[in-house]
């Protein structure tokens, strides 16, 4: 997928991530956690976590947005089986766009790419994501792309040494 960014004339390419993208993705995930939640992710956990997905598509998949060979954004999908729908819901996670390229359509392009792949797969019933309740800008973007608030609240119990 190639398009022109609104703010400039650079070509944006969306492609599936490869193991060579792992270091950049891990770095972006660390920035994402710091920017959105004020959390510091341990490199010795996030690096292998990203590598695990890149080597096993059954865990999830990453796609990256690049300009002139440089990765400027990313999106990850993991899977949830829905017995109610007899199919998968794709959970969008680890969304990050480099600060120099925000508000230029990069995330929208990543989202539309994922949505087109999901619609083309008969086993996929929909897309979901979670967003920090205070992140109003992201919520506006998601709504503008046709997502709705289904009135669910995410609750969790995290296990493990990092508790991230």
C-alpha atoms as a PDB file:
ATOM      1  CA  UNK A   1       0.000   0.000   0.000  1.00  0.00           C
ATOM      2  CA  UNK A   2       1.528   3.327  -1.052  1.00  0.00           C
ATOM      3  CA  UNK A   3       0.002   6.750  -0.539  1.00  0.00           C
ATOM      4  CA  UNK A   4       1.072  10.342  -0.210  1.00  0.00           C
ATOM      5  CA  UNK A   5       1.043  11.856   3.233  1.00  0.00           C
ATOM      6  CA  UNK A   6      -0.995  15.033   3.494  1.00  0.00           C
ATOM      7  CA  UNK A   7       1.728  17.108   5.116  1.00  0.00           C
ATOM      8  CA  UNK A   8       4.427  16.294   2.584  1.00  0.00           C
ATOM      9  CA  UNK A   9       5.106  14.351  -0.570  1.00  0.00           C
ATOM     10  CA  UNK A  10       6.793  11.303   0.970  1.00  0.00           C
ATOM     11  CA  UNK A  11       5.445   7.881   0.039  1.00  0.00           C
ATOM     12  CA  UNK A  12       4.113   5.747   2.875  1.00  0.00           C
ATOM     13  CA  UNK A  13       4.403   1.982   2.554  1.00  0.00           C
ATOM     14  CA  UNK A  14       2.575  -0.485   4.814  1.00  0.00           C
ATOM     15  CA  UNK A  15       4.111  -3.957   5.067  1.00  0.00           C
ATOM     16  CA  UNK A  16       4.152  -6.918   7.397  1.00  0.00           C
ATOM     17  CA  UNK A  17       6.988  -6.662   9.887  1.00  0.00           C
ATOM     18  CA  UNK A  18       9.966  -8.994   9.751  1.00  0.00           C
ATOM     19  CA  UNK A  19      12.439 -10.049  12.449  1.00  0.00           C
ATOM     20  CA  UNK A  20      14.736  -7.283  11.167  1.00  0.00           C
ATOM     21  CA  UNK A  21      12.164  -4.773  12.460  1.00  0.00           C
ATOM     22  CA  UNK A  22      12.256  -6.189  15.996  1.00  0.00           C
ATOM     23  CA  UNK A  23      14.627  -3.663  17.524  1.00  0.00           C
ATOM     24  CA  UNK A  24      12.667  -0.703  16.148  1.00  0.00           C
ATOM     25  CA  UNK A  25       9.341  -2.183  17.239  1.00  0.00           C
ATOM     26  CA  UNK A  26      10.657  -2.847  20.746  1.00  0.00           C
ATOM     27  CA  UNK A  27      11.968   0.724  20.917  1.00  0.00           C
ATOM     28  CA  UNK A  28       8.614   2.101  19.768  1.00  0.00           C
ATOM     29  CA  UNK A  29       6.802  -0.063  22.320  1.00  0.00           C
ATOM     30  CA  UNK A  30       9.025   1.379  25.039  1.00  0.00           C
ATOM     31  CA  UNK A  31       8.238   4.924  23.850  1.00  0.00           C
ATOM     32  CA  UNK A  32       4.533   4.077  23.694  1.00  0.00           C
ATOM     33  CA  UNK A  33       4.474   2.874  27.303  1.00  0.00           C
ATOM     34  CA  UNK A  34       6.354   5.944  28.493  1.00  0.00           C
ATOM     35  CA  UNK A  35       4.238   8.434  26.534  1.00  0.00           C
ATOM     36  CA  UNK A  36       0.823   6.949  27.289  1.00  0.00           C
ATOM     37  CA  UNK A  37       1.193   5.435  30.742  1.00  0.00           C
ATOM     38  CA  UNK A  38       4.435   6.791  32.181  1.00  0.00           C
ATOM     39  CA  UNK A  39       5.769   3.215  32.347  1.00  0.00           C
ATOM     40  CA  UNK A  40       9.277   2.020  31.670  1.00  0.00           C
ATOM     41  CA  UNK A  41       9.293  -1.344  29.930  1.00  0.00           C
ATOM     42  CA  UNK A  42      12.356  -3.508  30.595  1.00  0.00           C
ATOM     43  CA  UNK A  43      14.306  -4.070  27.373  1.00  0.00           C
ATOM     44  CA  UNK A  44      15.118  -7.644  28.444  1.00  0.00           C
ATOM     45  CA  UNK A  45      11.382  -8.435  28.413  1.00  0.00           C
ATOM     46  CA  UNK A  46      10.015  -6.327  25.541  1.00  0.00           C
ATOM     47  CA  UNK A  47      12.779  -7.347  23.104  1.00  0.00           C
ATOM     48  CA  UNK A  48      12.130 -11.089  23.428  1.00  0.00           C
ATOM     49  CA  UNK A  49       8.367 -10.424  23.548  1.00  0.00           C
ATOM     50  CA  UNK A  50       8.469  -8.690  20.172  1.00  0.00           C
ATOM     51  CA  UNK A  51      10.776 -11.392  18.776  1.00  0.00           C
ATOM     52  CA  UNK A  52       8.322 -14.082  19.909  1.00  0.00           C
ATOM     53  CA  UNK A  53       5.504 -12.554  17.870  1.00  0.00           C
ATOM     54  CA  UNK A  54       7.700 -11.921  14.845  1.00  0.00           C
ATOM     55  CA  UNK A  55       8.729 -15.582  14.838  1.00  0.00           C
ATOM     56  CA  UNK A  56       5.269 -17.040  15.558  1.00  0.00           C
ATOM     57  CA  UNK A  57       2.280 -15.539  13.690  1.00  0.00           C
ATOM     58  CA  UNK A  58      -0.003 -17.682  15.866  1.00  0.00           C
ATOM     59  CA  UNK A  59       0.729 -15.254  18.703  1.00  0.00           C
ATOM     60  CA  UNK A  60       0.030 -12.155  16.642  1.00  0.00           C
ATOM     61  CA  UNK A  61       1.342 -10.084  13.773  1.00  0.00           C
ATOM     62  CA  UNK A  62       2.926  -6.674  13.353  1.00  0.00           C
ATOM     63  CA  UNK A  63       2.697  -4.345  10.378  1.00  0.00           C
ATOM     64  CA  UNK A  64       4.866  -1.294   9.955  1.00  0.00           C
ATOM     65  CA  UNK A  65       4.544   1.970   8.077  1.00  0.00           C
ATOM     66  CA  UNK A  66       7.718   3.163   6.449  1.00  0.00           C
ATOM     67  CA  UNK A  67       8.886   6.172   4.510  1.00  0.00           C
ATOM     68  CA  UNK A  68      12.055   5.977   2.432  1.00  0.00           C
ATOM     69  CA  UNK A  69      12.952   2.682   4.126  1.00  0.00           C
ATOM     70  CA  UNK A  70      12.561   4.040   7.676  1.00  0.00           C
ATOM     71  CA  UNK A  71       9.904   2.561   9.971  1.00  0.00           C
ATOM     72  CA  UNK A  72       7.785   5.461  11.245  1.00  0.00           C
ATOM     73  CA  UNK A  73       4.817   3.578  12.697  1.00  0.00           C
ATOM     74  CA  UNK A  74       3.544   0.197  13.768  1.00  0.00           C
ATOM     75  CA  UNK A  75       0.440  -1.761  14.652  1.00  0.00           C
ATOM     76  CA  UNK A  76       0.044  -5.237  16.135  1.00  0.00           C
ATOM     77  CA  UNK A  77      -2.879  -7.648  16.034  1.00  0.00           C
ATOM     78  CA  UNK A  78      -3.538 -10.505  18.440  1.00  0.00           C
ATOM     79  CA  UNK A  79      -6.448 -12.912  18.294  1.00  0.00           C
ATOM     80  CA  UNK A  80      -9.409 -13.720  20.496  1.00  0.00           C
ATOM     81  CA  UNK A  81     -11.714 -16.600  19.635  1.00  0.00           C
ATOM     82  CA  UNK A  82     -15.373 -15.666  20.070  1.00  0.00           C
ATOM     83  CA  UNK A  83     -17.738 -18.568  20.591  1.00  0.00           C
ATOM     84  CA  UNK A  84     -20.623 -16.085  20.318  1.00  0.00           C
ATOM     85  CA  UNK A  85     -19.497 -15.210  16.802  1.00  0.00           C
ATOM     86  CA  UNK A  86     -17.835 -18.486  15.832  1.00  0.00           C
ATOM     87  CA  UNK A  87     -14.799 -16.565  14.667  1.00  0.00           C
ATOM     88  CA  UNK A  88     -11.857 -14.419  15.665  1.00  0.00           C
ATOM     89  CA  UNK A  89     -11.784 -10.875  16.886  1.00  0.00           C
ATOM     90  CA  UNK A  90      -8.546  -9.127  16.072  1.00  0.00           C
ATOM     91  CA  UNK A  91      -7.261  -6.978  18.920  1.00  0.00           C
ATOM     92  CA  UNK A  92      -5.260  -3.974  17.785  1.00  0.00           C
ATOM     93  CA  UNK A  93      -2.333  -3.318  20.095  1.00  0.00           C
ATOM     94  CA  UNK A  94       1.086  -1.668  20.271  1.00  0.00           C
ATOM     95  CA  UNK A  95       0.079   1.210  18.008  1.00  0.00           C
ATOM     96  CA  UNK A  96       2.824   3.780  17.658  1.00  0.00           C
ATOM     97  CA  UNK A  97       3.619   6.546  15.201  1.00  0.00           C
ATOM     98  CA  UNK A  98       6.899   8.428  15.477  1.00  0.00           C
ATOM     99  CA  UNK A  99       6.256  11.953  16.776  1.00  0.00           C
ATOM    100  CA  UNK A 100       7.582  13.562  13.564  1.00  0.00           C
ATOM    101  CA  UNK A 101       4.820  11.846  11.557  1.00  0.00           C
ATOM    102  CA  UNK A 102       1.756  12.153  13.772  1.00  0.00           C
ATOM    103  CA  UNK A 103      -1.500  13.713  12.540  1.00  0.00           C
ATOM    104  CA  UNK A 104      -0.513  12.933   8.939  1.00  0.00           C
ATOM    105  CA  UNK A 105      -2.657   9.856   8.316  1.00  0.00           C
ATOM    106  CA  UNK A 106      -0.118   7.192   9.294  1.00  0.00           C
ATOM    107  CA  UNK A 107      -2.307   5.493  11.888  1.00  0.00           C
ATOM    108  CA  UNK A 108      -5.360   5.770   9.639  1.00  0.00           C
ATOM    109  CA  UNK A 109      -3.408   4.031   6.889  1.00  0.00           C
ATOM    110  CA  UNK A 110      -2.284   1.256   9.242  1.00  0.00           C
ATOM    111  CA  UNK A 111      -5.841   0.815  10.531  1.00  0.00           C
ATOM    112  CA  UNK A 112      -7.377   0.696   7.072  1.00  0.00           C
ATOM    113  CA  UNK A 113      -4.781  -1.865   6.003  1.00  0.00           C
ATOM    114  CA  UNK A 114      -5.594  -4.097   8.988  1.00  0.00           C
ATOM    115  CA  UNK A 115      -9.320  -3.636   8.437  1.00  0.00           C
ATOM    116  CA  UNK A 116      -9.030  -4.682   4.778  1.00  0.00           C
ATOM    117  CA  UNK A 117      -7.063  -7.800   5.753  1.00  0.00           C
ATOM    118  CA  UNK A 118      -9.616  -8.656   8.441  1.00  0.00           C
ATOM    119  CA  UNK A 119     -12.561  -8.201   6.063  1.00  0.00           C
ATOM    120  CA  UNK A 120     -10.874 -10.446   3.496  1.00  0.00           C
ATOM    121  CA  UNK A 121     -10.509 -13.257   6.073  1.00  0.00           C
ATOM    122  CA  UNK A 122     -13.790 -15.156   6.558  1.00  0.00           C
ATOM    123  CA  UNK A 123     -12.747 -16.257  10.059  1.00  0.00           C
ATOM    124  CA  UNK A 124     -12.465 -12.675  11.361  1.00  0.00           C
ATOM    125  CA  UNK A 125     -15.608 -11.184  12.865  1.00  0.00           C
ATOM    126  CA  UNK A 126     -14.313  -7.760  13.892  1.00  0.00           C
ATOM    127  CA  UNK A 127     -11.643  -5.500  15.306  1.00  0.00           C
ATOM    128  CA  UNK A 128     -11.200  -4.357  18.889  1.00  0.00           C
ATOM    129  CA  UNK A 129      -8.737  -2.263  20.797  1.00  0.00           C
ATOM    130  CA  UNK A 130      -8.365  -0.776  24.204  1.00  0.00           C
ATOM    131  CA  UNK A 131      -7.412   2.829  24.836  1.00  0.00           C
ATOM    132  CA  UNK A 132      -6.452   4.704  27.972  1.00  0.00           C
ATOM    133  CA  UNK A 133      -9.583   6.388  29.313  1.00  0.00           C
ATOM    134  CA  UNK A 134      -7.834   9.773  29.368  1.00  0.00           C
ATOM    135  CA  UNK A 135      -6.483   9.561  25.826  1.00  0.00           C
ATOM    136  CA  UNK A 136      -9.233  11.642  24.205  1.00  0.00           C
ATOM    137  CA  UNK A 137      -7.246  12.386  21.040  1.00  0.00           C
ATOM    138  CA  UNK A 138      -6.826   8.680  20.279  1.00  0.00           C
ATOM    139  CA  UNK A 139     -10.491   8.042  21.053  1.00  0.00           C
ATOM    140  CA  UNK A 140     -11.509  10.745  18.569  1.00  0.00           C
ATOM    141  CA  UNK A 141      -9.282   9.172  15.918  1.00  0.00           C
ATOM    142  CA  UNK A 142     -10.760   5.714  16.497  1.00  0.00           C
ATOM    143  CA  UNK A 143     -14.313   7.066  16.319  1.00  0.00           C
ATOM    144  CA  UNK A 144     -13.498   8.929  13.096  1.00  0.00           C
ATOM    145  CA  UNK A 145     -12.430   5.580  11.621  1.00  0.00           C
ATOM    146  CA  UNK A 146     -15.806   4.038  12.461  1.00  0.00           C
ATOM    147  CA  UNK A 147     -15.048   2.360  15.780  1.00  0.00           C
ATOM    148  CA  UNK A 148     -17.594   2.560  18.598  1.00  0.00           C
ATOM    149  CA  UNK A 149     -17.463   2.311  22.372  1.00  0.00           C
ATOM    150  CA  UNK A 150     -19.198  -1.020  23.155  1.00  0.00           C
ATOM    151  CA  UNK A 151     -19.533  -0.084  26.845  1.00  0.00           C
ATOM    152  CA  UNK A 152     -17.212  -2.809  28.084  1.00  0.00           C
ATOM    153  CA  UNK A 153     -14.639  -2.134  30.755  1.00  0.00           C
ATOM    154  CA  UNK A 154     -11.327  -4.006  30.573  1.00  0.00           C
ATOM    155  CA  UNK A 155     -10.205  -5.550  33.842  1.00  0.00           C
ATOM    156  CA  UNK A 156      -7.050  -7.550  34.375  1.00  0.00           C
ATOM    157  CA  UNK A 157      -4.759  -9.479  36.644  1.00  0.00           C
ATOM    158  CA  UNK A 158      -1.147  -9.487  35.454  1.00  0.00           C
ATOM    159  CA  UNK A 159       1.301 -12.219  36.434  1.00  0.00           C
ATOM    160  CA  UNK A 160       5.065 -12.297  36.123  1.00  0.00           C
ATOM    161  CA  UNK A 161       8.102 -10.414  37.266  1.00  0.00           C
ATOM    162  CA  UNK A 162       7.596  -7.294  35.163  1.00  0.00           C
ATOM    163  CA  UNK A 163       3.869  -6.794  35.828  1.00  0.00           C
ATOM    164  CA  UNK A 164       3.799  -4.427  32.830  1.00  0.00           C
END
